Amino acid sequence: MTLHDRRPEHTGPTWRRSSYSNTQGNQCVEVAVIGGRIALRDSKDPNGPVLTFSKAEWRQFVRRMRHTA
């Protein structure tokens, strides 16, 4: 996993909002594929920090989230 101080310098990633995000819009995360990595950001701060994961790291992250939810 990598933490970026700002949004990666890529043109036009398609960000998708999590289906588990709060409907009031105050607890949302968005996911995109950037350069073969999975990127995760806070939808309230689209120019803020972005976490990126390899595909294997992303699978492990999702698996752990499912077990803790």
C-alpha atoms as a PDB file:
ATOM      1  CA  MET A   1       0.000   0.000   0.000  1.00  0.00           C
ATOM      2  CA  THR A   2       1.242   3.481  -0.850  1.00  0.00           C
ATOM      3  CA  LEU A   3       0.035   6.821   0.532  1.00  0.00           C
ATOM      4  CA  HIS A   4       0.238   9.772  -1.854  1.00  0.00           C
ATOM      5  CA  ASP A   5       0.229  13.347  -0.546  1.00  0.00           C
ATOM      6  CA  ARG A   6      -1.987  14.408  -3.428  1.00  0.00           C
ATOM      7  CA  ARG A   7      -3.912  12.922  -6.302  1.00  0.00           C
ATOM      8  CA  PRO A   8      -1.688  10.998  -8.733  1.00  0.00           C
ATOM      9  CA  GLU A   9      -0.776  12.802 -11.955  1.00  0.00           C
ATOM     10  CA  HIS A  10      -2.990  10.766 -14.275  1.00  0.00           C
ATOM     11  CA  THR A  11      -5.595  12.098 -16.612  1.00  0.00           C
ATOM     12  CA  GLY A  12      -9.148  11.023 -16.240  1.00  0.00           C
ATOM     13  CA  PRO A  13      -9.396   8.129 -13.804  1.00  0.00           C
ATOM     14  CA  THR A  14     -12.968   6.978 -13.346  1.00  0.00           C
ATOM     15  CA  TRP A  15     -13.752   7.171  -9.636  1.00  0.00           C
ATOM     16  CA  ARG A  16     -16.595   4.975  -8.363  1.00  0.00           C
ATOM     17  CA  ARG A  17     -18.311   5.524  -5.031  1.00  0.00           C
ATOM     18  CA  SER A  18     -18.595   2.559  -2.687  1.00  0.00           C
ATOM     19  CA  SER A  19     -22.039   0.975  -2.545  1.00  0.00           C
ATOM     20  CA  TYR A  20     -21.571   0.842   1.240  1.00  0.00           C
ATOM     21  CA  SER A  21     -21.038   4.595   1.547  1.00  0.00           C
ATOM     22  CA  ASN A  22     -23.350   6.667   3.692  1.00  0.00           C
ATOM     23  CA  THR A  23     -26.332   8.003   1.703  1.00  0.00           C
ATOM     24  CA  GLN A  24     -26.027  11.425   3.376  1.00  0.00           C
ATOM     25  CA  GLY A  25     -22.694  11.861   1.581  1.00  0.00           C
ATOM     26  CA  ASN A  26     -20.559  12.393   4.667  1.00  0.00           C
ATOM     27  CA  GLN A  27     -18.847   8.997   4.879  1.00  0.00           C
ATOM     28  CA  CYS A  28     -17.952   8.103   1.306  1.00  0.00           C
ATOM     29  CA  VAL A  29     -14.929   6.521  -0.281  1.00  0.00           C
ATOM     30  CA  GLU A  30     -14.238   6.298  -3.992  1.00  0.00           C
ATOM     31  CA  VAL A  31     -12.192   3.725  -5.895  1.00  0.00           C
ATOM     32  CA  ALA A  32     -10.396   3.923  -9.254  1.00  0.00           C
ATOM     33  CA  VAL A  33      -7.831   1.923 -11.202  1.00  0.00           C
ATOM     34  CA  ILE A  34      -4.752   4.042 -11.897  1.00  0.00           C
ATOM     35  CA  GLY A  35      -1.673   2.635 -13.578  1.00  0.00           C
ATOM     36  CA  GLY A  36      -2.677  -0.943 -12.791  1.00  0.00           C
ATOM     37  CA  ARG A  37      -3.111  -0.163  -9.080  1.00  0.00           C
ATOM     38  CA  ILE A  38      -6.297   0.276  -7.076  1.00  0.00           C
ATOM     39  CA  ALA A  39      -6.670   3.824  -5.714  1.00  0.00           C
ATOM     40  CA  LEU A  40      -8.879   4.817  -2.771  1.00  0.00           C
ATOM     41  CA  ARG A  41      -9.798   8.362  -1.709  1.00  0.00           C
ATOM     42  CA  ASP A  42     -12.233  10.309   0.462  1.00  0.00           C
ATOM     43  CA  SER A  43     -14.977  11.690  -1.780  1.00  0.00           C
ATOM     44  CA  LYS A  44     -15.204  14.858   0.333  1.00  0.00           C
ATOM     45  CA  ASP A  45     -11.552  15.653  -0.460  1.00  0.00           C
ATOM     46  CA  PRO A  46     -10.950  14.644  -4.108  1.00  0.00           C
ATOM     47  CA  ASN A  47      -7.628  16.512  -4.246  1.00  0.00           C
ATOM     48  CA  GLY A  48      -6.439  15.089  -0.933  1.00  0.00           C
ATOM     49  CA  PRO A  49      -4.418  11.963  -0.110  1.00  0.00           C
ATOM     50  CA  VAL A  50      -4.929   8.801  -2.153  1.00  0.00           C
ATOM     51  CA  LEU A  51      -4.107   5.292  -0.969  1.00  0.00           C
ATOM     52  CA  THR A  52      -2.982   2.899  -3.689  1.00  0.00           C
ATOM     53  CA  PHE A  53      -2.900  -0.880  -3.479  1.00  0.00           C
ATOM     54  CA  SER A  54      -1.550  -3.643  -5.678  1.00  0.00           C
ATOM     55  CA  LYS A  55      -4.257  -6.076  -6.806  1.00  0.00           C
ATOM     56  CA  ALA A  56      -3.131  -8.602  -4.180  1.00  0.00           C
ATOM     57  CA  GLU A  57      -3.153  -5.951  -1.430  1.00  0.00           C
ATOM     58  CA  TRP A  58      -6.620  -4.802  -2.531  1.00  0.00           C
ATOM     59  CA  ARG A  59      -8.008  -8.366  -2.386  1.00  0.00           C
ATOM     60  CA  GLN A  60      -6.585  -8.790   1.115  1.00  0.00           C
ATOM     61  CA  PHE A  61      -7.978  -5.393   2.213  1.00  0.00           C
ATOM     62  CA  VAL A  62     -11.484  -6.224   0.927  1.00  0.00           C
ATOM     63  CA  ARG A  63     -11.366  -9.694   2.502  1.00  0.00           C
ATOM     64  CA  ARG A  64     -10.450  -8.228   5.895  1.00  0.00           C
ATOM     65  CA  MET A  65     -13.143  -5.552   5.638  1.00  0.00           C
ATOM     66  CA  ARG A  66     -15.776  -8.183   4.910  1.00  0.00           C
ATOM     67  CA  HIS A  67     -14.750 -10.159   7.990  1.00  0.00           C
ATOM     68  CA  THR A  68     -14.878  -7.109  10.276  1.00  0.00           C
ATOM     69  CA  ALA A  69     -18.170  -5.686   8.979  1.00  0.00           C
END
